[in-house]
Amino acid sequence: MSRTRSRSTSVREDEGLRLPRPPGVLRRFWARHPVVADVLIALVCLLLSLVPAGAITRDLPAPIAIGLSILTPAAVLAACATLFWRRTRPLVPFVAAFLLEAGFLFALAPIGSPLMLVTCYSLAVYRSSRAAWTGFGIGVASLAAFGGLLTLTGVITLQIAANAVLMSVVLGLIGTLIGVNVGGRKRYLAAVIDRSRQLLIERDQQAQLAAADERARIAREMHDIVSHSLTVIVALSEGAAATPDREQARAAASSAAETARNALTEMRAMLGVLRADDSPLPLAPLEPTPPQETVAHAQRAGYPVTLSVVGGEVLAPTVAHAVGRIVQEGVTNAMRHAPSATSIAVQLAYSEESVTVEIVNDGARPTVGSSGFGLRGLAERAAHAGGTITSQPIEGGRWMLRAELPTRTPDPADESKERP
């Protein structure tokens, strides 16, 4: 059960990679059945290695010949059995192959074992190219030194030692070269696939971050539209219900209906952008909310709101939208949290480099704090436009909301050009 679960998990992880099928029927079979491949390789090496092992017992005394006739096949069998570790511990069969080649030096006609070729190949593929070349050099040097020692002591002839070392060099070199090629390609493909998985993860993370930003933007827009409009509608409705003058009540009801229609229009516009599959989702609505309109709505609701503007600059759409929403949220907070205020002053100061928005009311309560979705959204808007915002009590029992925004938002393309 666990194997099925892990395989399905691996398949799900690689679905986005769209990897092609490995070429060749035999390659796919051996890749899916590594144990069968190892068994076949071990049997072939065992059969071919028993040929040189049978020549070791020639021209030797009977006790030694009997002992070697038992030990040599056992050594060949043990060395071939280590091939089952060639994928996980390739150094073990590699050392066993060279030890077996050292034993074959005692044969009258030494023949190289295919075990040398397989173990050199396995060391290069499943360990590293550097380990394969280093092990091959050390193994050949050790084998040559041992053969030279046997030649100097008269145990074997120089021709036998040279033939054994030469055969080991040829088989080991062929196995190492093939293994380096296959192992390098295998490690390169593994690195490419791993990098592709990382890119998929990064893509998913970017998508999640974009979705979170879009949810935050929608939350800000919904809060600004609903909070301000409902506050104005509630104030107008309460005023219409409290006044005995039918004309004033009718005017208040008409203003409440107009405010509701404007809010509904904004909601439809935002939802229309969200539902359009082929339209990009902007970070802000195309039409910013004018501060004059916000002040006019509050004045019609009976609140003492005034607006003063100093200077005048053409603002970037993001900054203009942020200014409109800051004025809207500041006036709405004053209407909700300072109903006894006698003055709600909105000041806009434009300069060449920045625009300052300041909203001050004299009806602040001690319980009014800086927490809330509205002020959090304003802080996000100000940060997106490259500015800052503060909300705090000031002297005289007043509350001030102040924002400083740059006239122009930095262009990412210009920033990238200025970077070295």
Protein backbone atom coordinates (compact mmCIF):
# COMPACT_ATOMS: atom_id res chain seq x y z
CA MET A 1 0.00 0.00 0.00
CA SER A 2 2.79 2.43 0.84
CA ARG A 3 4.51 1.81 -2.49
CA THR A 4 1.32 2.60 -4.40
CA ARG A 5 0.84 5.77 -2.39
CA SER A 6 4.39 6.99 -2.97
CA ARG A 7 4.20 6.25 -6.68
CA SER A 8 0.96 8.20 -7.07
CA THR A 9 2.47 11.06 -5.09
CA SER A 10 5.50 11.09 -7.40
CA VAL A 11 3.23 11.06 -10.43
CA ARG A 12 1.25 14.02 -9.09
CA GLU A 13 4.46 15.94 -8.44
CA ASP A 14 5.70 15.35 -12.00
CA GLU A 15 2.38 16.01 -13.75
CA GLY A 16 3.33 19.61 -14.40
CA LEU A 17 6.76 18.64 -15.79
CA ARG A 18 5.29 16.64 -18.72
CA LEU A 19 8.38 14.45 -18.97
CA PRO A 20 8.76 12.37 -22.15
CA ARG A 21 8.86 8.59 -21.98
CA PRO A 22 12.34 7.07 -21.76
CA PRO A 23 13.47 5.83 -25.20
CA GLY A 24 13.58 2.11 -25.91
CA VAL A 25 11.53 -0.80 -24.63
CA LEU A 26 14.51 -2.51 -23.03
CA ARG A 27 15.59 0.64 -21.20
CA ARG A 28 12.15 1.11 -19.74
CA PHE A 29 12.04 -2.57 -18.72
CA TRP A 30 15.41 -2.46 -16.95
CA ALA A 31 14.50 0.85 -15.29
CA ARG A 32 11.28 -0.63 -13.91
CA HIS A 33 12.93 -3.93 -12.85
CA PRO A 34 16.40 -3.15 -11.43
CA VAL A 35 16.56 -6.37 -9.41
CA VAL A 36 16.09 -8.52 -12.53
CA ALA A 37 18.86 -6.58 -14.27
CA ASP A 38 21.24 -7.06 -11.31
CA VAL A 39 20.52 -10.80 -11.16
CA LEU A 40 21.24 -11.26 -14.87
CA ILE A 41 24.44 -9.21 -14.69
CA ALA A 42 25.62 -11.16 -11.65
CA LEU A 43 24.96 -14.52 -13.38
CA VAL A 44 26.82 -13.47 -16.55
CA CYS A 45 29.80 -12.25 -14.53
CA LEU A 46 29.79 -15.45 -12.46
CA LEU A 47 29.85 -17.72 -15.51
CA LEU A 48 32.58 -15.75 -17.28
CA SER A 49 34.70 -15.38 -14.14
CA LEU A 50 34.79 -19.10 -13.41
CA VAL A 51 36.84 -19.67 -16.59
CA PRO A 52 40.04 -17.98 -15.37
CA ALA A 53 39.42 -19.29 -11.85
CA GLY A 54 39.75 -22.89 -13.05
CA ALA A 55 43.32 -22.33 -14.27
CA ILE A 56 44.71 -21.38 -10.86
CA THR A 57 44.98 -24.98 -9.63
CA ARG A 58 47.32 -26.11 -12.40
CA ASP A 59 50.89 -27.29 -11.59
CA LEU A 60 50.44 -26.80 -7.86
CA PRO A 61 50.93 -29.28 -5.00
CA ALA A 62 47.87 -31.35 -4.17
CA PRO A 63 46.99 -29.73 -0.80
CA ILE A 64 47.31 -26.22 -2.22
CA ALA A 65 45.44 -27.15 -5.40
CA ILE A 66 42.53 -28.60 -3.42
CA GLY A 67 42.36 -25.54 -1.19
CA LEU A 68 42.45 -23.16 -4.12
CA SER A 69 39.89 -25.19 -6.03
CA ILE A 70 37.49 -24.53 -3.15
CA LEU A 71 38.46 -20.97 -2.25
CA THR A 72 38.63 -19.58 -5.79
CA PRO A 73 35.04 -20.36 -6.86
CA ALA A 74 33.86 -19.17 -3.45
CA ALA A 75 35.74 -15.89 -3.95
CA VAL A 76 34.26 -15.51 -7.44
CA LEU A 77 30.77 -16.18 -6.07
CA ALA A 78 31.26 -13.65 -3.25
CA ALA A 79 32.60 -11.01 -5.64
CA CYS A 80 29.67 -11.49 -8.02
CA ALA A 81 27.23 -11.37 -5.10
CA THR A 82 28.49 -7.87 -4.25
CA LEU A 83 27.01 -6.68 -7.58
CA PHE A 84 23.64 -6.47 -5.81
CA TRP A 85 25.11 -3.45 -3.96
CA ARG A 86 26.42 -1.72 -7.05
CA ARG A 87 23.58 0.84 -7.07
CA THR A 88 23.67 1.75 -3.38
CA ARG A 89 27.34 1.01 -2.45
CA PRO A 90 29.27 0.83 -5.73
CA LEU A 91 32.65 0.96 -3.98
CA VAL A 92 32.12 -2.51 -2.42
CA PRO A 93 31.89 -4.51 -5.71
CA PHE A 94 34.63 -2.28 -7.18
CA VAL A 95 37.10 -3.30 -4.46
CA ALA A 96 35.97 -6.93 -4.70
CA ALA A 97 36.64 -6.94 -8.47
CA PHE A 98 40.21 -5.73 -8.04
CA LEU A 99 40.85 -8.24 -5.27
CA LEU A 100 39.57 -10.97 -7.59
CA GLU A 101 41.85 -9.72 -10.36
CA ALA A 102 44.76 -9.91 -7.92
CA GLY A 103 43.88 -13.56 -7.26
CA PHE A 104 43.74 -14.25 -11.00
CA LEU A 105 47.46 -13.36 -11.21
CA PHE A 106 48.21 -16.87 -9.96
CA ALA A 107 46.63 -18.39 -13.08
CA LEU A 108 48.91 -19.65 -15.84
CA ALA A 109 46.88 -17.87 -18.50
CA PRO A 110 45.09 -15.00 -16.76
CA ILE A 111 41.92 -13.71 -18.44
CA GLY A 112 40.25 -10.48 -17.43
CA SER A 113 36.91 -10.79 -15.65
CA PRO A 114 33.84 -8.84 -16.85
CA LEU A 115 33.40 -7.96 -13.19
CA MET A 116 35.98 -5.23 -13.71
CA LEU A 117 33.98 -3.63 -16.52
CA VAL A 118 30.69 -3.73 -14.60
CA THR A 119 32.06 -2.36 -11.33
CA CYS A 120 33.96 0.51 -12.99
CA TYR A 121 30.79 1.42 -14.87
CA SER A 122 28.70 1.26 -11.68
CA LEU A 123 31.13 3.41 -9.72
CA ALA A 124 31.00 6.14 -12.39
CA VAL A 125 27.21 6.05 -12.72
CA TYR A 126 26.08 5.70 -9.11
CA ARG A 127 28.90 7.56 -7.34
CA SER A 128 30.70 10.19 -9.42
CA SER A 129 33.08 10.54 -12.34
CA ARG A 130 35.84 11.73 -10.04
CA ALA A 131 35.43 8.70 -7.78
CA ALA A 132 35.50 6.39 -10.82
CA TRP A 133 38.74 7.82 -12.24
CA THR A 134 40.38 7.95 -8.80
CA GLY A 135 39.37 4.39 -7.95
CA PHE A 136 40.42 3.15 -11.38
CA GLY A 137 43.86 4.72 -11.04
CA ILE A 138 44.44 3.43 -7.52
CA GLY A 139 43.17 -0.04 -8.41
CA VAL A 140 45.35 -0.40 -11.52
CA ALA A 141 48.41 0.94 -9.68
CA SER A 142 47.85 -1.49 -6.79
CA LEU A 143 47.33 -4.39 -9.18
CA ALA A 144 50.49 -3.51 -11.12
CA ALA A 145 52.50 -3.22 -7.90
CA PHE A 146 51.25 -6.59 -6.67
CA GLY A 147 52.02 -8.19 -10.05
CA GLY A 148 55.50 -6.70 -10.04
CA LEU A 149 56.12 -8.06 -6.55
CA LEU A 150 55.05 -11.54 -7.63
CA THR A 151 57.28 -11.26 -10.70
CA LEU A 152 60.34 -10.23 -8.66
CA THR A 153 59.81 -13.12 -6.24
CA GLY A 154 59.51 -15.60 -9.10
CA VAL A 155 55.94 -16.65 -8.35
CA ILE A 156 54.69 -15.66 -11.82
CA THR A 157 56.33 -14.61 -15.02
CA LEU A 158 56.48 -11.07 -16.35
CA GLN A 159 54.25 -11.99 -19.29
CA ILE A 160 51.48 -13.24 -17.00
CA ALA A 161 51.65 -10.08 -14.87
CA ALA A 162 51.66 -7.81 -17.93
CA ASN A 163 48.73 -9.62 -19.55
CA ALA A 164 46.68 -9.49 -16.37
CA VAL A 165 47.34 -5.78 -15.77
CA LEU A 166 46.73 -4.90 -19.44
CA MET A 167 43.43 -6.78 -19.53
CA SER A 168 42.30 -5.07 -16.33
CA VAL A 169 43.26 -1.66 -17.76
CA VAL A 170 41.33 -2.29 -20.98
CA LEU A 171 38.16 -3.57 -19.29
CA GLY A 172 38.29 -0.99 -16.52
CA LEU A 173 38.92 1.86 -18.97
CA ILE A 174 35.99 0.83 -21.17
CA GLY A 175 33.67 0.54 -18.18
CA THR A 176 34.83 3.86 -16.72
CA LEU A 177 34.43 5.78 -20.01
CA ILE A 178 30.94 4.41 -20.60
CA GLY A 179 30.00 4.98 -16.97
CA VAL A 180 31.27 8.57 -16.99
CA ASN A 181 29.20 9.31 -20.08
CA VAL A 182 26.03 7.65 -18.77
CA GLY A 183 26.47 8.94 -15.23
CA GLY A 184 27.10 12.51 -16.36
CA ARG A 185 23.99 12.46 -18.51
CA LYS A 186 21.96 10.91 -15.69
CA ARG A 187 23.10 13.51 -13.17
CA TYR A 188 22.48 16.32 -15.64
CA LEU A 189 18.92 15.13 -16.31
CA ALA A 190 18.33 14.73 -12.58
CA ALA A 191 19.52 18.31 -12.02
CA VAL A 192 17.29 19.60 -14.83
CA ILE A 193 14.25 17.75 -13.46
CA ASP A 194 14.99 18.96 -9.93
CA ARG A 195 15.28 22.53 -11.19
CA SER A 196 12.00 22.10 -13.06
CA ARG A 197 10.33 20.94 -9.86
CA GLN A 198 11.70 23.98 -8.06
CA LEU A 199 10.35 26.25 -10.81
CA LEU A 200 6.94 24.59 -10.50
CA ILE A 201 6.98 25.16 -6.76
CA GLU A 202 8.03 28.78 -7.25
CA ARG A 203 5.30 29.22 -9.86
CA ASP A 204 2.69 27.86 -7.44
CA GLN A 205 4.02 30.11 -4.68
CA GLN A 206 3.87 33.14 -6.97
CA ALA A 207 0.31 32.21 -7.90
CA GLN A 208 -0.62 31.93 -4.23
CA LEU A 209 0.99 35.30 -3.47
CA ALA A 210 -0.82 36.89 -6.40
CA ALA A 211 -4.11 35.39 -5.22
CA ALA A 212 -3.47 36.69 -1.69
CA ASP A 213 -2.71 40.18 -3.05
CA GLU A 214 -5.86 40.09 -5.15
CA ARG A 215 -7.95 39.00 -2.17
CA ALA A 216 -6.48 41.84 -0.13
CA ARG A 217 -7.23 44.31 -2.94
CA ILE A 218 -10.83 43.09 -3.22
CA ALA A 219 -11.21 43.32 0.57
CA ARG A 220 -9.96 46.92 0.51
CA GLU A 221 -12.31 47.89 -2.32
CA MET A 222 -15.28 46.16 -0.75
CA HIS A 223 -14.60 47.77 2.61
CA ASP A 224 -14.21 51.26 1.16
CA ILE A 225 -17.31 51.03 -1.02
CA VAL A 226 -19.60 49.37 1.52
CA SER A 227 -18.37 51.16 4.65
CA HIS A 228 -18.50 54.70 3.27
CA SER A 229 -21.74 54.25 1.35
CA LEU A 230 -23.58 52.56 4.21
CA THR A 231 -22.36 55.18 6.68
CA VAL A 232 -23.71 57.96 4.48
CA ILE A 233 -26.96 56.08 3.84
CA VAL A 234 -27.50 55.45 7.57
CA ALA A 235 -26.88 59.12 8.38
CA LEU A 236 -29.25 60.30 5.65
CA SER A 237 -31.92 57.79 6.65
CA GLU A 238 -31.72 58.79 10.33
CA GLY A 239 -31.91 62.45 9.36
CA ALA A 240 -34.92 61.84 7.13
CA ALA A 241 -36.67 59.97 9.95
CA ALA A 242 -35.87 62.62 12.56
CA THR A 243 -36.85 65.77 10.67
CA PRO A 244 -40.48 66.92 10.61
CA ASP A 245 -39.91 68.81 7.38
CA ARG A 246 -41.17 66.69 4.50
CA GLU A 247 -39.00 68.50 1.93
CA GLN A 248 -35.81 67.86 3.92
CA ALA A 249 -36.84 64.26 4.48
CA ARG A 250 -37.45 63.84 0.77
CA ALA A 251 -34.07 65.39 -0.08
CA ALA A 252 -32.32 63.11 2.44
CA ALA A 253 -34.06 60.05 1.02
CA SER A 254 -33.09 61.07 -2.52
CA SER A 255 -29.45 61.54 -1.44
CA ALA A 256 -29.49 58.12 0.24
CA ALA A 257 -30.86 56.52 -2.92
CA GLU A 258 -28.23 58.27 -5.05
CA THR A 259 -25.47 57.12 -2.71
CA ALA A 260 -26.78 53.55 -2.87
CA ARG A 261 -26.91 53.68 -6.69
CA ASN A 262 -23.33 54.98 -6.86
CA ALA A 263 -22.15 52.21 -4.53
CA LEU A 264 -23.99 49.62 -6.60
CA THR A 265 -22.37 50.96 -9.77
CA GLU A 266 -18.91 50.66 -8.21
CA MET A 267 -19.66 47.15 -7.04
CA ARG A 268 -20.84 46.11 -10.50
CA ALA A 269 -17.77 47.62 -12.13
CA MET A 270 -15.44 45.76 -9.79
CA LEU A 271 -17.30 42.47 -10.11
CA GLY A 272 -17.37 42.87 -13.89
CA VAL A 273 -13.59 43.14 -13.98
CA LEU A 274 -13.27 40.06 -11.77
CA ARG A 275 -15.65 37.98 -13.90
CA ALA A 276 -14.06 38.92 -17.25
CA ASP A 277 -11.82 36.04 -18.25
CA ASP A 278 -9.92 37.96 -20.93
CA SER A 279 -9.35 41.20 -19.04
CA PRO A 280 -6.36 41.81 -16.77
CA LEU A 281 -7.01 42.43 -13.10
CA PRO A 282 -5.67 45.91 -12.26
CA LEU A 283 -4.33 46.81 -8.85
CA ALA A 284 -6.79 49.69 -8.63
CA PRO A 285 -10.06 50.74 -10.32
CA LEU A 286 -9.65 52.79 -13.49
CA GLU A 287 -11.59 55.77 -12.12
CA PRO A 288 -10.39 57.05 -8.71
CA THR A 289 -12.91 58.41 -6.22
CA PRO A 290 -12.73 62.24 -6.24
CA PRO A 291 -12.28 63.78 -2.78
CA GLN A 292 -14.81 66.47 -3.71
CA GLU A 293 -17.49 63.82 -4.20
CA THR A 294 -16.75 62.24 -0.83
CA VAL A 295 -16.98 65.60 0.92
CA ALA A 296 -20.22 66.41 -0.92
CA HIS A 297 -21.81 63.15 0.20
CA ALA A 298 -20.85 63.81 3.82
CA GLN A 299 -22.15 67.37 3.65
CA ARG A 300 -25.50 66.20 2.27
CA ALA A 301 -25.67 63.80 5.21
CA GLY A 302 -25.39 66.80 7.56
CA TYR A 303 -21.78 66.47 8.70
CA PRO A 304 -19.55 69.57 9.05
CA VAL A 305 -16.98 68.54 6.47
CA THR A 306 -14.81 71.13 4.70
CA LEU A 307 -12.29 70.72 1.93
CA SER A 308 -9.26 72.89 1.20
CA VAL A 309 -6.86 72.31 -1.67
CA VAL A 310 -3.43 73.89 -1.99
CA GLY A 311 -1.69 73.65 -5.35
CA GLY A 312 -2.55 71.20 -8.05
CA GLU A 313 -0.58 68.48 -9.80
CA VAL A 314 -1.46 65.74 -12.25
CA LEU A 315 -1.18 62.52 -10.24
CA ALA A 316 -0.46 59.00 -11.40
CA PRO A 317 -3.58 56.78 -11.43
CA THR A 318 -2.36 54.73 -8.48
CA VAL A 319 -1.65 57.85 -6.40
CA ALA A 320 -4.92 59.52 -7.41
CA HIS A 321 -6.85 56.41 -6.42
CA ALA A 322 -5.00 56.19 -3.10
CA VAL A 323 -5.75 59.88 -2.36
CA GLY A 324 -9.45 59.36 -3.08
CA ARG A 325 -9.70 56.27 -0.89
CA ILE A 326 -7.75 57.89 1.97
CA VAL A 327 -10.11 60.86 1.98
CA GLN A 328 -13.10 58.53 1.78
CA GLU A 329 -11.92 56.33 4.66
CA GLY A 330 -10.87 59.30 6.81
CA VAL A 331 -14.21 61.05 6.40
CA THR A 332 -16.10 57.78 6.98
CA ASN A 333 -14.16 57.11 10.22
CA ALA A 334 -14.92 60.63 11.42
CA MET A 335 -18.60 60.16 10.66
CA ARG A 336 -18.71 56.83 12.49
CA HIS A 337 -16.42 57.44 15.46
CA ALA A 338 -16.85 61.20 15.97
CA PRO A 339 -20.60 61.89 15.57
CA SER A 340 -20.35 64.92 17.88
CA ALA A 341 -17.58 66.57 15.84
CA THR A 342 -18.14 70.23 15.00
CA SER A 343 -15.45 70.24 12.34
CA ILE A 344 -14.07 67.66 9.94
CA ALA A 345 -11.37 69.38 7.94
CA VAL A 346 -9.96 67.74 4.82
CA GLN A 347 -6.77 69.34 3.46
CA LEU A 348 -4.95 68.42 0.27
CA ALA A 349 -1.53 69.95 -0.36
CA TYR A 350 0.07 69.31 -3.76
CA SER A 351 3.72 69.91 -4.61
CA GLU A 352 6.03 68.84 -7.41
CA GLU A 353 7.36 65.87 -5.46
CA SER A 354 4.51 64.78 -3.17
CA VAL A 355 0.91 65.21 -2.14
CA THR A 356 -0.17 65.44 1.50
CA VAL A 357 -3.62 64.38 2.71
CA GLU A 358 -4.69 65.49 6.18
CA ILE A 359 -8.08 64.86 7.81
CA VAL A 360 -8.66 66.33 11.27
CA ASN A 361 -11.81 66.14 13.41
CA ASP A 362 -12.48 67.53 16.89
CA GLY A 363 -14.81 64.82 18.12
CA ALA A 364 -12.35 61.97 18.70
CA ARG A 365 -13.13 59.49 21.45
CA PRO A 366 -10.48 58.01 23.76
CA THR A 367 -11.48 54.47 22.71
CA VAL A 368 -10.72 55.05 19.03
CA GLY A 369 -7.64 53.08 18.08
CA SER A 370 -5.50 52.49 15.02
CA SER A 371 -6.67 48.92 14.41
CA GLY A 372 -9.26 47.95 11.85
CA PHE A 373 -9.64 46.80 8.27
CA GLY A 374 -10.04 50.34 6.94
CA LEU A 375 -6.80 51.75 8.32
CA ARG A 376 -4.98 48.54 7.47
CA GLY A 377 -6.19 48.87 3.89
CA LEU A 378 -5.09 52.51 3.79
CA ALA A 379 -1.64 51.54 4.99
CA GLU A 380 -1.44 48.97 2.18
CA ARG A 381 -2.59 51.54 -0.37
CA ALA A 382 -0.04 54.09 0.82
CA ALA A 383 2.75 51.51 0.72
CA HIS A 384 1.71 50.44 -2.79
CA ALA A 385 1.91 54.06 -3.95
CA GLY A 386 5.30 54.53 -2.24
CA GLY A 387 4.06 56.70 0.64
CA THR A 388 3.32 56.57 4.36
CA ILE A 389 0.25 57.12 6.53
CA THR A 390 -0.27 57.91 10.22
CA SER A 391 -3.39 58.01 12.38
CA GLN A 392 -3.12 59.43 15.88
CA PRO A 393 -4.67 61.86 18.40
CA ILE A 394 -3.31 65.42 18.53
CA GLU A 395 -3.64 68.30 20.95
CA GLY A 396 -7.03 69.79 21.64
CA GLY A 397 -8.87 66.45 21.71
CA ARG A 398 -8.63 66.10 17.95
CA TRP A 399 -7.82 63.13 15.74
CA MET A 400 -5.61 63.38 12.68
CA LEU A 401 -5.21 61.08 9.70
CA ARG A 402 -2.20 62.15 7.62
CA ALA A 403 -0.76 60.57 4.48
CA GLU A 404 2.21 61.60 2.37
CA LEU A 405 2.42 60.14 -1.13
CA PRO A 406 4.82 60.80 -4.00
CA THR A 407 3.34 62.56 -7.00
CA ARG A 408 4.63 59.85 -9.30
CA THR A 409 4.96 56.17 -8.52
CA PRO A 410 8.30 54.60 -9.50
CA ASP A 411 8.26 52.74 -12.80
CA PRO A 412 9.67 49.17 -12.45
CA ALA A 413 11.11 49.40 -15.99
CA ASP A 414 13.01 52.58 -15.09
CA GLU A 415 14.31 51.01 -11.90
CA SER A 416 15.61 47.99 -13.82
CA LYS A 417 17.42 50.27 -16.29
CA GLU A 418 19.12 52.19 -13.49
CA ARG A 419 20.47 49.03 -11.89
CA PRO A 420 24.06 48.18 -12.88
